[in-house]
N, C-alpha and C. Protein backbone atom coordinates (compact mmCIF):
# COMPACT_ATOMS: atom_id res chain seq x y z
N MET A 1 5.40 16.46 -0.58
CA MET A 1 4.93 15.08 -0.62
C MET A 1 6.09 14.11 -0.39
N VAL A 2 5.78 13.02 0.27
CA VAL A 2 6.76 11.98 0.54
C VAL A 2 6.34 10.72 -0.21
N GLU A 3 7.30 10.08 -0.88
CA GLU A 3 7.00 8.84 -1.59
C GLU A 3 7.42 7.65 -0.73
N THR A 4 6.51 6.68 -0.62
CA THR A 4 6.79 5.45 0.12
C THR A 4 6.49 4.28 -0.79
N ARG A 5 7.38 3.28 -0.80
CA ARG A 5 7.21 2.10 -1.64
C ARG A 5 7.00 0.87 -0.77
N PHE A 6 6.10 0.02 -1.22
CA PHE A 6 5.84 -1.24 -0.54
C PHE A 6 5.97 -2.39 -1.53
N ASN A 7 6.42 -3.52 -1.05
CA ASN A 7 6.36 -4.78 -1.80
C ASN A 7 5.15 -5.52 -1.27
N VAL A 8 4.18 -5.73 -2.15
CA VAL A 8 2.91 -6.34 -1.74
C VAL A 8 2.63 -7.53 -2.64
N GLY A 9 2.31 -8.67 -2.06
CA GLY A 9 2.06 -9.89 -2.80
C GLY A 9 0.73 -9.89 -3.55
N MET A 10 0.52 -8.88 -4.38
CA MET A 10 -0.72 -8.78 -5.17
C MET A 10 -0.66 -9.78 -6.32
N THR A 11 -1.78 -10.45 -6.56
CA THR A 11 -1.83 -11.42 -7.65
C THR A 11 -2.83 -11.05 -8.74
N CYS A 12 -3.65 -10.02 -8.48
CA CYS A 12 -4.67 -9.64 -9.47
C CYS A 12 -5.08 -8.19 -9.25
N GLU A 13 -5.91 -7.69 -10.15
CA GLU A 13 -6.41 -6.32 -10.03
C GLU A 13 -7.33 -6.15 -8.82
N GLY A 14 -7.93 -7.25 -8.37
CA GLY A 14 -8.75 -7.18 -7.16
C GLY A 14 -7.90 -6.83 -5.95
N CYS A 15 -6.70 -7.43 -5.90
CA CYS A 15 -5.76 -7.11 -4.82
C CYS A 15 -5.36 -5.63 -4.91
N ALA A 16 -5.04 -5.18 -6.11
CA ALA A 16 -4.63 -3.79 -6.31
C ALA A 16 -5.74 -2.84 -5.89
N ALA A 17 -6.97 -3.17 -6.21
CA ALA A 17 -8.11 -2.32 -5.84
C ALA A 17 -8.27 -2.28 -4.32
N ALA A 18 -8.07 -3.41 -3.66
CA ALA A 18 -8.17 -3.45 -2.20
C ALA A 18 -7.10 -2.57 -1.57
N VAL A 19 -5.87 -2.66 -2.07
CA VAL A 19 -4.77 -1.84 -1.56
C VAL A 19 -5.09 -0.36 -1.74
N LYS A 20 -5.57 0.01 -2.92
CA LYS A 20 -5.92 1.41 -3.18
C LYS A 20 -7.04 1.88 -2.26
N ARG A 21 -8.03 1.02 -2.04
CA ARG A 21 -9.16 1.37 -1.16
C ARG A 21 -8.67 1.60 0.27
N ILE A 22 -7.83 0.70 0.77
CA ILE A 22 -7.33 0.79 2.14
C ILE A 22 -6.48 2.05 2.33
N LEU A 23 -5.52 2.26 1.45
CA LEU A 23 -4.63 3.41 1.58
C LEU A 23 -5.35 4.73 1.29
N GLY A 24 -6.33 4.68 0.40
CA GLY A 24 -7.08 5.88 0.04
C GLY A 24 -7.92 6.44 1.18
N LYS A 25 -8.19 5.62 2.19
CA LYS A 25 -8.97 6.07 3.35
C LYS A 25 -8.13 6.86 4.34
N ILE A 26 -6.81 6.83 4.18
CA ILE A 26 -5.91 7.53 5.10
C ILE A 26 -5.81 8.99 4.70
N GLU A 27 -6.15 9.88 5.63
CA GLU A 27 -6.07 11.31 5.35
C GLU A 27 -4.62 11.71 5.12
N GLY A 28 -4.38 12.40 4.02
CA GLY A 28 -3.03 12.84 3.68
C GLY A 28 -2.44 12.07 2.52
N VAL A 29 -3.04 10.93 2.16
CA VAL A 29 -2.57 10.16 1.01
C VAL A 29 -3.15 10.80 -0.24
N SER A 30 -2.29 11.14 -1.20
CA SER A 30 -2.77 11.85 -2.38
C SER A 30 -2.74 11.01 -3.65
N ASP A 31 -1.84 10.01 -3.73
CA ASP A 31 -1.76 9.20 -4.94
C ASP A 31 -1.25 7.81 -4.60
N ILE A 32 -1.84 6.80 -5.25
CA ILE A 32 -1.45 5.41 -5.04
C ILE A 32 -1.29 4.76 -6.40
N ASP A 33 -0.10 4.25 -6.66
CA ASP A 33 0.17 3.57 -7.93
C ASP A 33 0.49 2.11 -7.63
N THR A 34 -0.28 1.20 -8.23
CA THR A 34 -0.06 -0.23 -8.01
C THR A 34 0.47 -0.87 -9.29
N ASP A 35 1.42 -1.77 -9.13
CA ASP A 35 1.99 -2.53 -10.23
C ASP A 35 1.90 -4.01 -9.85
N VAL A 36 0.84 -4.66 -10.32
CA VAL A 36 0.59 -6.05 -9.94
C VAL A 36 1.71 -6.97 -10.45
N ALA A 37 2.18 -6.75 -11.67
CA ALA A 37 3.20 -7.62 -12.27
C ALA A 37 4.48 -7.63 -11.44
N ASN A 38 4.88 -6.46 -10.94
CA ASN A 38 6.11 -6.35 -10.17
C ASN A 38 5.86 -6.34 -8.66
N LYS A 39 4.58 -6.41 -8.28
CA LYS A 39 4.17 -6.47 -6.86
C LYS A 39 4.67 -5.26 -6.06
N ILE A 40 4.54 -4.07 -6.66
CA ILE A 40 5.00 -2.84 -6.04
C ILE A 40 3.83 -1.86 -5.89
N VAL A 41 3.81 -1.17 -4.75
CA VAL A 41 2.85 -0.10 -4.52
C VAL A 41 3.65 1.15 -4.17
N ILE A 42 3.37 2.25 -4.86
CA ILE A 42 4.04 3.53 -4.61
C ILE A 42 2.98 4.52 -4.15
N VAL A 43 3.22 5.10 -2.97
CA VAL A 43 2.25 6.00 -2.36
C VAL A 43 2.86 7.39 -2.21
N GLN A 44 2.10 8.40 -2.60
CA GLN A 44 2.46 9.79 -2.37
C GLN A 44 1.56 10.29 -1.25
N ALA A 45 2.18 10.85 -0.21
CA ALA A 45 1.41 11.34 0.92
C ALA A 45 2.12 12.52 1.56
N ASP A 46 1.39 13.29 2.35
CA ASP A 46 2.06 14.39 3.04
C ASP A 46 2.81 13.87 4.26
N GLU A 47 3.55 14.75 4.91
CA GLU A 47 4.44 14.35 5.99
C GLU A 47 3.71 13.79 7.20
N SER A 48 2.41 14.04 7.32
CA SER A 48 1.66 13.54 8.48
C SER A 48 1.41 12.04 8.42
N VAL A 49 1.61 11.45 7.24
CA VAL A 49 1.36 10.02 7.05
C VAL A 49 2.71 9.29 7.11
N THR A 50 2.85 8.42 8.10
CA THR A 50 4.11 7.69 8.24
C THR A 50 4.06 6.36 7.49
N PRO A 51 5.21 5.89 7.02
CA PRO A 51 5.24 4.58 6.38
C PRO A 51 4.71 3.47 7.30
N GLU A 52 5.00 3.59 8.59
CA GLU A 52 4.55 2.59 9.55
C GLU A 52 3.02 2.55 9.66
N MET A 53 2.39 3.72 9.58
CA MET A 53 0.93 3.80 9.64
C MET A 53 0.32 3.06 8.44
N MET A 54 0.88 3.32 7.26
CA MET A 54 0.36 2.66 6.05
C MET A 54 0.65 1.16 6.10
N LEU A 55 1.84 0.80 6.57
CA LEU A 55 2.22 -0.61 6.65
C LEU A 55 1.27 -1.37 7.58
N GLU A 56 0.92 -0.77 8.69
CA GLU A 56 0.01 -1.42 9.64
C GLU A 56 -1.33 -1.73 8.98
N LYS A 57 -1.86 -0.77 8.23
CA LYS A 57 -3.15 -0.99 7.53
C LYS A 57 -3.01 -2.10 6.50
N LEU A 58 -1.93 -2.07 5.73
CA LEU A 58 -1.74 -3.09 4.69
C LEU A 58 -1.50 -4.47 5.29
N GLU A 59 -0.81 -4.53 6.42
CA GLU A 59 -0.55 -5.83 7.05
C GLU A 59 -1.83 -6.49 7.52
N LYS A 60 -2.78 -5.71 8.02
CA LYS A 60 -4.08 -6.27 8.43
C LYS A 60 -4.76 -6.94 7.24
N TRP A 61 -4.76 -6.25 6.10
CA TRP A 61 -5.34 -6.82 4.88
C TRP A 61 -4.54 -8.04 4.45
N GLY A 62 -3.21 -7.93 4.48
CA GLY A 62 -2.35 -9.02 4.04
C GLY A 62 -2.57 -10.29 4.84
N GLN A 63 -2.73 -10.14 6.15
CA GLN A 63 -2.98 -11.31 6.99
C GLN A 63 -4.32 -11.96 6.65
N ALA A 64 -5.33 -11.14 6.45
CA ALA A 64 -6.66 -11.67 6.12
C ALA A 64 -6.70 -12.30 4.73
N ALA A 65 -5.93 -11.71 3.80
CA ALA A 65 -5.96 -12.18 2.41
C ALA A 65 -4.84 -13.18 2.09
N GLY A 66 -3.96 -13.42 3.06
CA GLY A 66 -2.85 -14.34 2.82
C GLY A 66 -1.81 -13.79 1.87
N LYS A 67 -1.58 -12.47 1.94
CA LYS A 67 -0.62 -11.79 1.06
C LYS A 67 0.54 -11.23 1.86
N THR A 68 1.70 -11.18 1.27
CA THR A 68 2.86 -10.59 1.92
C THR A 68 2.85 -9.09 1.74
N VAL A 69 3.31 -8.38 2.77
CA VAL A 69 3.39 -6.91 2.73
C VAL A 69 4.65 -6.51 3.45
N GLU A 70 5.46 -5.63 2.81
CA GLU A 70 6.64 -5.10 3.49
C GLU A 70 7.02 -3.76 2.88
N LEU A 71 7.70 -2.95 3.68
CA LEU A 71 8.26 -1.71 3.16
C LEU A 71 9.37 -2.06 2.19
N SER A 72 9.41 -1.37 1.08
CA SER A 72 10.47 -1.61 0.10
C SER A 72 11.74 -0.93 0.57
N PRO A 73 12.88 -1.60 0.50
CA PRO A 73 14.14 -0.99 0.99
C PRO A 73 14.54 0.21 0.15
């Protein structure tokens, strides 16, 4: 499994649920941990899932919801 971290401008549990729903649809994603207070999302996925693939999905939601999304350094 590969761990990928994102900084996501989540402001509530509704945002966290949306992020989990979006990432959960990607085949190969096994675990998603959201931390609304610190605006962090940690994803466990197999090697077939690239950070860029997940970022693209989250950016679409972020643009529609007016939220910031970026890969965590």
